[in-house]
Structure formats: C-alpha cells, structure tokens
C-alpha cells in the first residue's frame, strides 16, 4: 500500500522526468547537464537572492553559465 501511495504522489506531482541523451552530441550532453543542475539546485549556488527570486528562477528556463570549471567545456 505504501509503494502504491508513493507512486501516486510521484505521478501526481511530476517528481520524475526522463530526458534523452546522445553521448556523441555535445549539445545533448549540455542540455542534460543544465537540466540536472537545475534539478539538484546547483544553479542556485553562490546566489545572494531572496526566496522570491529563487522561485522566479526555478520556474523559468534560464540559460546559466555551466562552465564554472575551466576543465569542463562542452563546446
């Protein structure tokens, strides 16, 4: 019963998403990295903003600087 209820919550609130990845395509990898960064909250690291600003950012598709580390270049 617990498993069924958990599945219902996950489905009702869209808590799981799937995305495609072509490891040979740099754009595909970059899109997935951006999606993962948004999902785990990495995009908010180092930001000095209010909760309202965070919520505005969380709901829109924002192009972030994902090349924070010099050794991690996708393009």
N, C-alpha and C. Protein backbone atom coordinates (compact mmCIF):
# COMPACT_ATOMS: atom_id res chain seq x y z
N UNK A 1 0.83 -1.19 0.00
CA UNK A 1 0.00 0.00 0.00
C UNK A 1 0.88 1.27 0.00
N UNK A 2 1.94 1.26 0.78
CA UNK A 2 2.83 2.42 0.84
C UNK A 2 3.46 2.69 -0.53
N UNK A 3 3.90 1.63 -1.19
CA UNK A 3 4.50 1.78 -2.52
C UNK A 3 3.52 2.40 -3.49
N UNK A 4 2.28 1.95 -3.45
CA UNK A 4 1.25 2.49 -4.34
C UNK A 4 1.03 3.98 -4.06
N UNK A 5 0.96 4.34 -2.79
CA UNK A 5 0.76 5.74 -2.43
C UNK A 5 1.95 6.61 -2.86
N UNK A 6 3.16 6.11 -2.68
CA UNK A 6 4.34 6.85 -3.13
C UNK A 6 4.32 7.03 -4.64
N UNK A 7 3.95 6.00 -5.36
CA UNK A 7 3.85 6.10 -6.83
C UNK A 7 2.81 7.13 -7.23
N UNK A 8 1.70 7.17 -6.52
CA UNK A 8 0.65 8.16 -6.82
C UNK A 8 1.16 9.58 -6.60
N UNK A 9 1.88 9.81 -5.51
CA UNK A 9 2.43 11.14 -5.23
C UNK A 9 3.44 11.54 -6.30
N UNK A 10 4.33 10.63 -6.64
CA UNK A 10 5.34 10.91 -7.67
C UNK A 10 4.68 11.24 -9.00
N UNK A 11 3.65 10.48 -9.36
CA UNK A 11 2.96 10.73 -10.62
C UNK A 11 2.14 12.02 -10.59
N UNK A 12 1.43 12.26 -9.49
CA UNK A 12 0.57 13.45 -9.39
C UNK A 12 1.36 14.75 -9.44
N UNK A 13 2.55 14.77 -8.87
CA UNK A 13 3.33 16.00 -8.79
C UNK A 13 4.49 16.03 -9.77
N UNK A 14 4.52 15.12 -10.71
CA UNK A 14 5.57 15.08 -11.75
C UNK A 14 6.97 15.15 -11.13
N UNK A 15 7.23 14.30 -10.17
CA UNK A 15 8.51 14.32 -9.47
C UNK A 15 9.62 13.59 -10.22
N UNK A 16 9.27 12.88 -11.28
CA UNK A 16 10.25 12.16 -12.07
C UNK A 16 10.10 12.57 -13.52
N UNK A 17 11.21 12.91 -14.15
CA UNK A 17 11.23 13.25 -15.57
C UNK A 17 12.27 12.40 -16.26
N UNK A 18 12.07 12.20 -17.54
CA UNK A 18 13.03 11.48 -18.35
C UNK A 18 13.48 12.38 -19.48
N UNK A 19 14.73 12.25 -19.85
CA UNK A 19 15.28 13.06 -20.93
C UNK A 19 16.18 12.18 -21.78
N UNK A 20 16.36 12.58 -23.02
CA UNK A 20 17.22 11.81 -23.91
C UNK A 20 18.66 12.29 -23.82
N UNK A 21 19.57 11.41 -24.16
CA UNK A 21 20.99 11.74 -24.15
C UNK A 21 21.67 11.02 -25.30
N UNK A 22 22.35 11.79 -26.13
CA UNK A 22 23.23 11.22 -27.15
C UNK A 22 24.64 11.61 -26.73
N UNK A 23 25.37 10.68 -26.18
CA UNK A 23 26.68 10.98 -25.61
C UNK A 23 27.66 11.50 -26.66
N UNK A 24 27.40 11.25 -27.93
CA UNK A 24 28.26 11.73 -29.01
C UNK A 24 27.94 13.18 -29.41
N UNK A 25 26.80 13.70 -28.94
CA UNK A 25 26.35 15.04 -29.31
C UNK A 25 26.58 16.00 -28.14
N UNK A 26 27.46 16.98 -28.33
CA UNK A 26 27.81 17.92 -27.25
C UNK A 26 26.60 18.72 -26.78
N UNK A 27 25.72 19.10 -27.70
CA UNK A 27 24.53 19.87 -27.31
C UNK A 27 23.59 19.04 -26.45
N UNK A 28 23.46 17.77 -26.77
CA UNK A 28 22.62 16.87 -25.98
C UNK A 28 23.17 16.74 -24.56
N UNK A 29 24.47 16.59 -24.44
CA UNK A 29 25.11 16.49 -23.12
C UNK A 29 24.93 17.80 -22.36
N UNK A 30 25.12 18.93 -23.02
CA UNK A 30 24.98 20.23 -22.37
C UNK A 30 23.56 20.44 -21.86
N UNK A 31 22.57 20.07 -22.66
CA UNK A 31 21.17 20.22 -22.23
C UNK A 31 20.90 19.38 -20.98
N UNK A 32 21.41 18.16 -20.98
CA UNK A 32 21.18 17.30 -19.83
C UNK A 32 21.90 17.82 -18.59
N UNK A 33 23.11 18.34 -18.75
CA UNK A 33 23.83 18.92 -17.61
C UNK A 33 23.04 20.09 -17.04
N UNK A 34 22.50 20.94 -17.89
CA UNK A 34 21.70 22.08 -17.43
C UNK A 34 20.46 21.60 -16.68
N UNK A 35 19.80 20.58 -17.21
CA UNK A 35 18.61 20.04 -16.56
C UNK A 35 18.95 19.45 -15.19
N UNK A 36 20.04 18.72 -15.12
CA UNK A 36 20.47 18.13 -13.85
C UNK A 36 20.85 19.22 -12.85
N UNK A 37 21.57 20.25 -13.31
CA UNK A 37 21.96 21.35 -12.43
C UNK A 37 20.75 22.07 -11.87
N UNK A 38 19.73 22.25 -12.69
CA UNK A 38 18.51 22.90 -12.22
C UNK A 38 17.78 21.99 -11.23
N UNK A 39 17.77 20.69 -11.52
CA UNK A 39 17.06 19.74 -10.66
C UNK A 39 17.68 19.60 -9.28
N UNK A 40 19.00 19.59 -9.21
CA UNK A 40 19.64 19.38 -7.91
C UNK A 40 19.97 20.69 -7.19
N UNK A 41 19.64 21.83 -7.79
CA UNK A 41 19.83 23.11 -7.12
C UNK A 41 21.18 23.76 -7.34
N UNK A 42 22.02 23.16 -8.16
CA UNK A 42 23.36 23.72 -8.40
C UNK A 42 23.29 25.13 -8.97
N UNK A 43 22.26 25.43 -9.74
CA UNK A 43 22.16 26.75 -10.35
C UNK A 43 22.01 27.86 -9.32
N UNK A 44 21.60 27.49 -8.10
CA UNK A 44 21.42 28.49 -7.06
C UNK A 44 22.67 28.71 -6.21
N UNK A 45 23.69 27.91 -6.42
CA UNK A 45 24.92 28.01 -5.62
C UNK A 45 25.56 29.38 -5.79
N UNK A 46 25.88 29.99 -4.69
CA UNK A 46 26.57 31.27 -4.73
C UNK A 46 25.68 32.47 -5.02
N UNK A 47 24.39 32.25 -5.16
CA UNK A 47 23.48 33.37 -5.42
C UNK A 47 23.11 34.04 -4.11
N UNK A 48 22.99 35.33 -4.15
CA UNK A 48 22.58 36.09 -2.99
C UNK A 48 21.25 36.74 -3.33
N UNK A 49 20.17 35.98 -3.17
CA UNK A 49 18.85 36.49 -3.55
C UNK A 49 17.80 36.02 -2.55
N UNK A 50 16.64 36.63 -2.64
CA UNK A 50 15.55 36.26 -1.74
C UNK A 50 14.85 35.01 -2.24
N UNK A 51 13.98 34.46 -1.40
CA UNK A 51 13.21 33.27 -1.77
C UNK A 51 12.33 33.54 -2.98
N UNK A 52 11.84 34.76 -3.11
CA UNK A 52 11.01 35.12 -4.26
C UNK A 52 11.82 35.04 -5.55
N UNK A 53 13.04 35.54 -5.52
CA UNK A 53 13.91 35.47 -6.70
C UNK A 53 14.23 34.03 -7.06
N UNK A 54 14.50 33.20 -6.04
CA UNK A 54 14.76 31.78 -6.30
C UNK A 54 13.56 31.12 -6.97
N UNK A 55 12.37 31.42 -6.49
CA UNK A 55 11.18 30.79 -7.08
C UNK A 55 10.95 31.26 -8.51
N UNK A 56 11.26 32.51 -8.81
CA UNK A 56 11.13 33.00 -10.19
C UNK A 56 12.10 32.27 -11.11
N UNK A 57 13.30 32.05 -10.63
CA UNK A 57 14.31 31.36 -11.43
C UNK A 57 13.94 29.89 -11.61
N UNK A 58 13.41 29.27 -10.58
CA UNK A 58 13.11 27.84 -10.62
C UNK A 58 12.04 27.50 -11.65
N UNK A 59 11.12 28.41 -11.92
CA UNK A 59 10.01 28.08 -12.82
C UNK A 59 10.28 28.46 -14.27
N UNK A 60 11.33 29.16 -14.56
CA UNK A 60 11.58 29.53 -15.95
C UNK A 60 12.81 28.81 -16.50
N UNK A 61 12.90 28.79 -17.81
CA UNK A 61 14.03 28.16 -18.47
C UNK A 61 15.11 29.21 -18.67
N UNK A 62 16.13 29.15 -17.84
CA UNK A 62 17.17 30.16 -17.84
C UNK A 62 18.46 29.56 -18.38
N UNK A 63 19.18 30.32 -19.19
CA UNK A 63 20.47 29.86 -19.70
C UNK A 63 21.55 30.29 -18.71
N UNK A 64 22.09 29.34 -17.98
CA UNK A 64 23.07 29.61 -16.95
C UNK A 64 24.48 29.38 -17.45
N UNK A 65 25.43 29.92 -16.75
CA UNK A 65 26.83 29.69 -17.07
C UNK A 65 27.24 28.36 -16.44
N UNK A 66 27.30 27.33 -17.25
CA UNK A 66 27.61 26.00 -16.74
C UNK A 66 29.08 25.67 -16.88
N UNK A 67 29.87 26.61 -17.30
CA UNK A 67 31.29 26.35 -17.48
C UNK A 67 32.07 26.97 -16.33
N UNK A 68 31.68 26.67 -15.11
CA UNK A 68 32.30 27.25 -13.93
C UNK A 68 33.71 26.73 -13.71
N UNK A 69 33.97 25.53 -14.19
CA UNK A 69 35.29 24.93 -14.01
C UNK A 69 35.99 24.91 -15.35
N UNK A 70 37.19 25.45 -15.44
CA UNK A 70 37.90 25.55 -16.73
C UNK A 70 38.05 24.21 -17.45
N UNK A 71 38.14 23.11 -16.73
CA UNK A 71 38.35 21.81 -17.38
C UNK A 71 37.06 21.20 -17.90
N UNK A 72 35.92 21.84 -17.66
CA UNK A 72 34.64 21.27 -18.05
C UNK A 72 34.02 22.11 -19.17
N UNK A 73 34.48 21.91 -20.38
CA UNK A 73 33.94 22.64 -21.53
C UNK A 73 33.27 21.67 -22.47
N UNK A 74 32.01 21.93 -22.79
CA UNK A 74 31.27 21.05 -23.69
C UNK A 74 31.31 21.55 -25.13
N UNK A 75 31.58 22.82 -25.32
CA UNK A 75 31.59 23.38 -26.68
C UNK A 75 32.97 23.87 -27.04
